[in-house]
């Protein structure tokens, strides 16, 4: 390793001794050769930095040679200075080139040490995708969002008031039998529909409103090919001045056309405690009529219960089961297939 010369030059003569041009030139030649050997032998960036300081630093070898130039004549000093500048550029160039080579070698060694063994047993995990129920829900919500509806969600554990009473279903009303659910010890229950979201939203947001409420719901239904105690709903609500059944029909028709395409649609008179008039909506699928939605104009009693004037405000609501839409879209014959997590089934989507 090169170290700065202290007190003596490479010639071995004391600094105070008379110095000739030929002696300084010889020292520069020796320094050039020694620098080239030392730089080539350096194996790390740290060694190269030490060499740079020892050769070109303020107290380095080259500075020691230049310090003796003052003993030369005015005509000889430029000759030594020019030669020293050339040597300095050569040393800097050698240091840069060697540093690049050292770094490349270090990177090559790192790559070699981290190379993967492609013959090893694969730990590949197949990428997943959205469950058909999730993708169906997202498509339904996207359609209504495109119609100007805002997404609103609420708790799955509800009170009797929001799930029944506020929706014009008082205690002992026969409609409760159709929506028998699961009750908790504190009197709360698992919601039977996402309609409570509409009540909660209207309590804190005055009309006009347009919301779509997706979510999981619960009923004490026996499990069979078309029923499950846990399923998913999407409901929509629009409250504004001057809304009538034609607005409801137009909205439902636009939604069904966007989801199913140009299929025949029919409305049948029906009954729901919280809408009047009410209707069931069917689509003709593969030669037969399938019920897909329930809808109706919001009952004035529901509006009055929320402190809204039914003479000024009117609105409509509609609800659908996501499972039914998913089954019709994909030709699924048993709702239980959607919950068994059978990869042979799910990989089709």
Protein backbone atom coordinates (compact mmCIF):
# COMPACT_ATOMS: atom_id res chain seq x y z
CA UNK A 1 0.00 0.00 0.00
CA UNK A 2 1.31 3.44 -0.90
CA UNK A 3 1.80 5.89 1.95
CA UNK A 4 2.70 9.59 1.83
CA UNK A 5 6.42 10.29 2.02
CA UNK A 6 7.36 12.19 5.14
CA UNK A 7 10.59 14.21 5.12
CA UNK A 8 12.10 12.36 2.10
CA UNK A 9 11.32 11.94 -1.56
CA UNK A 10 11.53 8.65 -3.43
CA UNK A 11 15.16 9.34 -4.24
CA UNK A 12 16.03 9.02 -0.55
CA UNK A 13 17.49 12.54 -0.47
CA UNK A 14 16.40 14.92 2.29
CA UNK A 15 13.91 17.56 1.15
CA UNK A 16 16.38 20.27 2.10
CA UNK A 17 19.10 18.84 -0.21
CA UNK A 18 19.65 20.40 -3.66
CA UNK A 19 17.11 19.03 -6.16
CA UNK A 20 17.62 18.82 -9.90
CA UNK A 21 15.11 18.60 -12.71
CA UNK A 22 16.25 15.10 -13.55
CA UNK A 23 15.72 13.92 -9.97
CA UNK A 24 12.15 15.24 -9.85
CA UNK A 25 11.40 13.77 -13.26
CA UNK A 26 12.73 10.42 -12.09
CA UNK A 27 10.56 10.60 -8.95
CA UNK A 28 7.47 11.27 -11.09
CA UNK A 29 8.30 8.29 -13.30
CA UNK A 30 8.69 6.03 -10.25
CA UNK A 31 5.47 7.41 -8.76
CA UNK A 32 3.60 6.72 -12.00
CA UNK A 33 4.75 3.10 -12.14
CA UNK A 34 4.15 2.49 -8.44
CA UNK A 35 0.68 4.08 -8.60
CA UNK A 36 -0.32 1.88 -11.56
CA UNK A 37 0.76 -1.30 -9.70
CA UNK A 38 -0.91 -0.34 -6.45
CA UNK A 39 -4.21 0.67 -8.10
CA UNK A 40 -4.34 -2.53 -10.11
CA UNK A 41 -3.80 -4.59 -6.94
CA UNK A 42 -6.53 -2.81 -4.94
CA UNK A 43 -9.49 -5.13 -4.32
CA UNK A 44 -12.00 -2.88 -2.56
CA UNK A 45 -13.39 0.62 -2.81
CA UNK A 46 -11.91 1.40 0.62
CA UNK A 47 -8.40 0.48 -0.57
CA UNK A 48 -8.83 2.68 -3.65
CA UNK A 49 -9.90 5.62 -1.50
CA UNK A 50 -6.83 5.13 0.70
CA UNK A 51 -4.65 5.13 -2.40
CA UNK A 52 -6.29 8.29 -3.72
CA UNK A 53 -5.56 10.15 -0.49
CA UNK A 54 -1.99 8.79 -0.34
CA UNK A 55 -1.26 9.76 -3.94
CA UNK A 56 -3.26 12.91 -4.59
CA UNK A 57 -4.17 14.27 -1.15
CA UNK A 58 -2.76 17.45 0.36
CA UNK A 59 -0.07 15.40 2.10
CA UNK A 60 0.15 12.81 -0.64
CA UNK A 61 3.10 11.60 -2.74
CA UNK A 62 2.41 13.93 -5.65
CA UNK A 63 2.17 16.95 -3.37
CA UNK A 64 5.52 16.00 -1.86
CA UNK A 65 7.15 16.06 -5.29
CA UNK A 66 5.54 19.34 -6.23
CA UNK A 67 6.68 20.85 -2.95
CA UNK A 68 10.28 20.51 -4.12
CA UNK A 69 9.66 22.49 -7.30
CA UNK A 70 10.57 25.68 -5.47
CA UNK A 71 14.27 24.62 -5.62
CA UNK A 72 14.22 24.57 -9.41
CA UNK A 73 14.87 27.48 -11.70
CA UNK A 74 12.03 29.49 -13.19
CA UNK A 75 12.55 27.77 -16.54
CA UNK A 76 12.45 24.23 -15.07
CA UNK A 77 9.39 24.58 -12.79
CA UNK A 78 6.81 24.66 -15.64
CA UNK A 79 8.25 21.45 -17.05
CA UNK A 80 7.78 19.62 -13.75
CA UNK A 81 4.34 21.16 -13.20
CA UNK A 82 3.14 20.05 -16.62
CA UNK A 83 4.43 16.52 -16.06
CA UNK A 84 2.81 16.41 -12.61
CA UNK A 85 -0.57 17.50 -14.00
CA UNK A 86 -0.43 14.75 -16.61
CA UNK A 87 0.42 12.23 -13.91
CA UNK A 88 -2.45 13.46 -11.73
CA UNK A 89 -4.95 12.96 -14.56
CA UNK A 90 -3.55 9.49 -15.27
CA UNK A 91 -3.86 8.47 -11.62
CA UNK A 92 -7.43 9.78 -11.41
CA UNK A 93 -8.35 7.90 -14.56
CA UNK A 94 -6.81 4.67 -13.22
CA UNK A 95 -8.63 5.06 -9.91
CA UNK A 96 -11.98 5.60 -11.63
CA UNK A 97 -11.55 2.65 -13.98
CA UNK A 98 -10.44 0.35 -11.15
CA UNK A 99 -13.34 1.45 -8.93
CA UNK A 100 -15.80 0.61 -11.73
CA UNK A 101 -14.18 -2.80 -12.14
CA UNK A 102 -14.27 -3.49 -8.38
CA UNK A 103 -17.96 -2.51 -8.15
CA UNK A 104 -18.86 -4.64 -11.17
CA UNK A 105 -17.04 -7.60 -9.65
CA UNK A 106 -18.84 -7.11 -6.34
CA UNK A 107 -22.20 -6.97 -8.12
CA UNK A 108 -21.40 -10.08 -10.15
CA UNK A 109 -20.45 -11.92 -6.95
CA UNK A 110 -23.70 -10.82 -5.29
CA UNK A 111 -25.77 -11.94 -8.25
CA UNK A 112 -24.00 -15.28 -8.30
CA UNK A 113 -24.57 -15.81 -4.59
CA UNK A 114 -28.27 -14.93 -4.85
CA UNK A 115 -29.05 -16.95 -7.95
CA UNK A 116 -32.24 -18.99 -7.61
CA UNK A 117 -32.13 -22.70 -8.08
CA UNK A 118 -34.71 -23.20 -10.82
CA UNK A 119 -34.69 -26.94 -10.17
CA UNK A 120 -35.98 -26.49 -6.62
CA UNK A 121 -39.55 -27.41 -5.73
CA UNK A 122 -41.89 -24.59 -6.71
CA UNK A 123 -43.69 -22.64 -3.98
CA UNK A 124 -46.04 -21.01 -6.56
CA UNK A 125 -49.46 -20.05 -5.32
CA UNK A 126 -52.08 -19.58 -7.99
CA UNK A 127 -53.47 -16.05 -8.13
CA UNK A 128 -57.03 -15.64 -6.91
CA UNK A 129 -59.93 -13.67 -8.31
CA UNK A 130 -63.15 -12.15 -7.09
CA UNK A 131 -65.89 -14.46 -5.91
CA UNK A 132 -68.87 -14.41 -8.30
CA UNK A 133 -71.07 -12.89 -5.58
CA UNK A 134 -68.61 -10.03 -5.06
CA UNK A 135 -68.23 -9.34 -8.78
CA UNK A 136 -72.02 -9.44 -9.22
CA UNK A 137 -72.52 -6.99 -6.34
CA UNK A 138 -69.89 -4.64 -7.74
CA UNK A 139 -71.51 -4.70 -11.19
CA UNK A 140 -74.96 -3.93 -9.74
CA UNK A 141 -73.63 -1.08 -7.61
CA UNK A 142 -71.65 0.33 -10.57
CA UNK A 143 -74.81 0.47 -12.69
CA UNK A 144 -76.73 2.42 -10.05
CA UNK A 145 -73.72 4.66 -9.39
CA UNK A 146 -73.83 5.50 -13.09
CA UNK A 147 -77.48 6.51 -12.62
CA UNK A 148 -76.45 8.98 -9.91
CA UNK A 149 -76.92 6.88 -6.77
CA UNK A 150 -74.61 7.14 -3.76
CA UNK A 151 -73.45 3.99 -1.94
CA UNK A 152 -74.54 3.77 1.70
CA UNK A 153 -73.94 0.95 4.19
CA UNK A 154 -75.10 0.14 7.70
CA UNK A 155 -74.64 -2.38 10.55
CA UNK A 156 -75.63 -6.01 10.16
CA UNK A 157 -76.75 -6.16 13.82
CA UNK A 158 -79.83 -3.96 14.05
CA UNK A 159 -82.56 -2.90 16.44
CA UNK A 160 -86.20 -3.87 16.04
CA UNK A 161 -87.02 -0.23 15.29
CA UNK A 162 -84.80 0.13 12.24
CA UNK A 163 -85.41 -3.36 10.88
CA UNK A 164 -89.21 -3.42 11.35
CA UNK A 165 -91.05 -0.60 13.10
CA UNK A 166 -89.63 2.32 11.13
CA UNK A 167 -90.49 0.42 7.94
CA UNK A 168 -94.20 0.24 8.80
CA UNK A 169 -93.92 -3.30 10.25
CA UNK A 170 -95.14 -2.94 13.85
CA UNK A 171 -95.04 -5.79 16.39
CA UNK A 172 -97.34 -8.71 15.58
CA UNK A 173 -97.60 -7.62 11.94
CA UNK A 174 -98.00 -10.71 9.70
CA UNK A 175 -95.16 -9.50 7.48
CA UNK A 176 -92.72 -10.31 10.28
CA UNK A 177 -93.38 -14.00 9.75
CA UNK A 178 -91.86 -13.71 6.24
CA UNK A 179 -88.72 -12.20 7.70
CA UNK A 180 -88.14 -14.26 10.83
CA UNK A 181 -84.56 -13.71 11.90
CA UNK A 182 -81.98 -14.38 14.60
CA UNK A 183 -82.22 -12.44 17.88
CA UNK A 184 -79.49 -11.62 20.37
CA UNK A 185 -79.88 -11.67 24.15
CA UNK A 186 -80.03 -7.87 24.35
CA UNK A 187 -83.04 -7.73 22.02
CA UNK A 188 -81.12 -6.74 18.93
CA UNK A 189 -81.29 -8.86 15.81
CA UNK A 190 -79.51 -9.73 12.59
CA UNK A 191 -81.04 -7.55 9.89
CA UNK A 192 -83.36 -9.28 7.43
CA UNK A 193 -82.83 -6.74 4.62
CA UNK A 194 -80.74 -3.65 3.91
CA UNK A 195 -83.79 -1.36 4.21
CA UNK A 196 -82.64 -0.15 7.68
CA UNK A 197 -79.78 1.59 5.87
CA UNK A 198 -82.38 3.76 4.14
CA UNK A 199 -83.96 4.81 7.45
CA UNK A 200 -80.58 5.62 9.01
CA UNK A 201 -79.55 7.62 5.97
CA UNK A 202 -82.78 9.68 5.89
CA UNK A 203 -82.43 10.49 9.59
CA UNK A 204 -79.22 12.42 8.90
CA UNK A 205 -79.67 13.45 5.26
CA UNK A 206 -82.72 15.45 4.18
CA UNK A 207 -84.19 14.88 0.70
CA UNK A 208 -83.56 14.78 -2.13
CA UNK A 209 -81.62 11.51 -1.77
CA UNK A 210 -80.64 8.68 -4.06
CA UNK A 211 -78.78 5.80 -2.45
CA UNK A 212 -77.88 2.20 -3.18
CA UNK A 213 -77.36 -0.07 -0.14
CA UNK A 214 -75.52 -3.39 -0.65
CA UNK A 215 -74.86 -5.85 2.17
CA UNK A 216 -75.28 -9.20 3.88
CA UNK A 217 -78.65 -10.10 5.43
CA UNK A 218 -80.06 -12.98 7.53
CA UNK A 219 -83.33 -14.92 7.74
CA UNK A 220 -84.33 -18.19 9.34
CA UNK A 221 -84.82 -19.95 6.02
CA UNK A 222 -84.29 -23.66 5.57
CA UNK A 223 -81.31 -24.42 3.33
CA UNK A 224 -82.25 -25.73 -0.11
CA UNK A 225 -81.37 -25.08 -3.74
CA UNK A 226 -82.86 -21.56 -3.70
CA UNK A 227 -82.72 -20.48 -0.02
CA UNK A 228 -80.01 -19.75 2.52
CA UNK A 229 -80.12 -18.25 6.04
CA UNK A 230 -77.35 -15.86 4.98
CA UNK A 231 -77.50 -14.07 1.64
CA UNK A 232 -76.83 -10.68 0.03
CA UNK A 233 -79.09 -7.85 -1.00
CA UNK A 234 -78.85 -4.57 -2.87
CA UNK A 235 -81.57 -1.99 -2.27
CA UNK A 236 -82.08 1.44 -3.82
CA UNK A 237 -84.01 4.44 -2.56
CA UNK A 238 -84.91 7.72 -4.25
CA UNK A 239 -86.76 10.54 -2.47
CA UNK A 240 -87.52 13.82 -4.23
CA UNK A 241 -90.35 16.12 -5.20
CA UNK A 242 -92.65 14.79 -7.91
CA UNK A 243 -91.40 11.20 -8.17
CA UNK A 244 -94.04 8.70 -9.33
CA UNK A 245 -94.29 5.10 -10.52
CA UNK A 246 -93.09 6.01 -14.01
CA UNK A 247 -89.73 7.06 -12.53
CA UNK A 248 -89.55 3.76 -10.65
CA UNK A 249 -90.37 1.75 -13.76
CA UNK A 250 -87.89 3.66 -15.90
CA UNK A 251 -85.10 3.18 -13.35
CA UNK A 252 -85.76 -0.56 -12.99
CA UNK A 253 -85.97 -1.06 -16.75
CA UNK A 254 -82.70 0.83 -17.32
CA UNK A 255 -80.96 -1.24 -14.65
CA UNK A 256 -82.23 -4.60 -15.90
CA UNK A 257 -81.29 -3.78 -19.49
CA UNK A 258 -77.77 -2.81 -18.38
CA UNK A 259 -77.36 -6.05 -16.41
CA UNK A 260 -79.23 -8.66 -18.50
CA UNK A 261 -79.46 -7.03 -21.91
CA UNK A 262 -82.66 -6.84 -23.96
CA UNK A 263 -84.82 -9.38 -22.10
CA UNK A 264 -88.62 -9.17 -21.75
CA UNK A 265 -89.59 -7.63 -18.38
CA UNK A 266 -92.93 -7.58 -16.59
CA UNK A 267 -94.26 -5.94 -13.43
CA UNK A 268 -96.76 -7.82 -11.23
CA UNK A 269 -98.78 -6.25 -8.44
CA UNK A 270 -97.54 -7.35 -5.02
CA UNK A 271 -97.43 -6.25 -1.39
CA UNK A 272 -94.70 -4.87 0.86
CA UNK A 273 -95.45 -3.12 4.18
CA UNK A 274 -93.20 -0.17 3.40
CA UNK A 275 -94.26 0.56 -0.22
CA UNK A 276 -97.62 1.32 -1.79
CA UNK A 277 -98.27 0.51 -4.59
CA UNK A 278 -95.82 -2.41 -4.80
CA UNK A 279 -94.71 -4.73 -7.56
CA UNK A 280 -92.64 -7.82 -8.28
CA UNK A 281 -90.39 -7.66 -11.35
CA UNK A 282 -89.79 -10.68 -13.59
CA UNK A 283 -87.49 -11.26 -16.55
CA UNK A 284 -88.00 -13.89 -19.21
CA UNK A 285 -84.97 -16.17 -19.10
CA UNK A 286 -84.59 -19.28 -21.27
CA UNK A 287 -88.29 -19.48 -22.00
CA UNK A 288 -89.62 -18.91 -18.48
CA UNK A 289 -90.38 -15.97 -16.22
CA UNK A 290 -88.07 -15.49 -13.24
CA UNK A 291 -88.75 -13.15 -10.34
CA UNK A 292 -85.70 -10.94 -9.79
CA UNK A 293 -86.78 -7.81 -7.88
CA UNK A 294 -89.35 -6.25 -5.60
CA UNK A 295 -90.17 -2.54 -5.75
CA UNK A 296 -92.75 0.12 -5.02
CA UNK A 297 -93.47 3.70 -4.06
CA UNK A 298 -92.43 4.55 -0.49
CA UNK A 299 -95.45 4.35 1.80
CA UNK A 300 -96.47 7.82 3.11
CA UNK A 301 -96.52 6.34 6.63
CA UNK A 302 -92.77 5.69 6.39
CA UNK A 303 -92.14 9.27 5.30
CA UNK A 304 -94.29 10.66 8.12
CA UNK A 305 -92.43 8.52 10.64
CA UNK A 306 -89.23 10.26 9.51
CA UNK A 307 -90.78 13.71 9.79
CA UNK A 308 -91.11 14.20 6.02
CA UNK A 309 -94.22 15.73 4.48
CA UNK A 310 -95.71 13.13 2.06
CA UNK A 311 -97.56 15.94 0.30
CA UNK A 312 -94.22 17.40 -0.77
CA UNK A 313 -91.90 14.41 -0.91
CA UNK A 314 -92.40 11.11 -2.69
CA UNK A 315 -90.08 8.32 -3.62
CA UNK A 316 -89.52 4.73 -4.62
CA UNK A 317 -87.52 1.78 -3.37
CA UNK A 318 -86.39 -1.46 -4.97
CA UNK A 319 -84.52 -4.48 -3.71
CA UNK A 320 -82.93 -7.57 -5.15
CA UNK A 321 -81.06 -10.67 -4.07
CA UNK A 322 -77.50 -10.79 -5.36
CA UNK A 323 -77.50 -14.59 -5.33
CA UNK A 324 -80.53 -14.69 -7.66
CA UNK A 325 -78.90 -12.30 -10.13
CA UNK A 326 -75.64 -14.26 -9.99
CA UNK A 327 -77.42 -17.58 -10.53
CA UNK A 328 -79.45 -16.29 -13.47
CA UNK A 329 -76.42 -14.62 -15.08
CA UNK A 330 -74.21 -17.74 -14.85
CA UNK A 331 -76.85 -20.47 -15.09
CA UNK A 332 -76.19 -21.80 -11.56
CA UNK A 333 -78.83 -24.29 -10.42
CA UNK A 334 -78.12 -24.43 -6.67
CA UNK A 335 -77.43 -21.50 -4.34
CA UNK A 336 -75.33 -23.73 -2.10
CA UNK A 337 -72.64 -23.92 -4.76
CA UNK A 338 -71.85 -20.26 -4.02
CA UNK A 339 -70.90 -21.02 -0.40
CA UNK A 340 -69.01 -24.35 -0.51
CA UNK A 341 -65.64 -22.87 -1.63
CA UNK A 342 -65.25 -25.68 -4.16
CA UNK A 343 -62.39 -24.60 -6.42
CA UNK A 344 -63.69 -26.77 -9.25
CA UNK A 345 -66.77 -24.56 -9.26
CA UNK A 346 -65.18 -21.19 -8.50
CA UNK A 347 -62.45 -21.54 -11.13
CA UNK A 348 -65.13 -21.20 -13.81
CA UNK A 349 -65.45 -17.51 -12.96
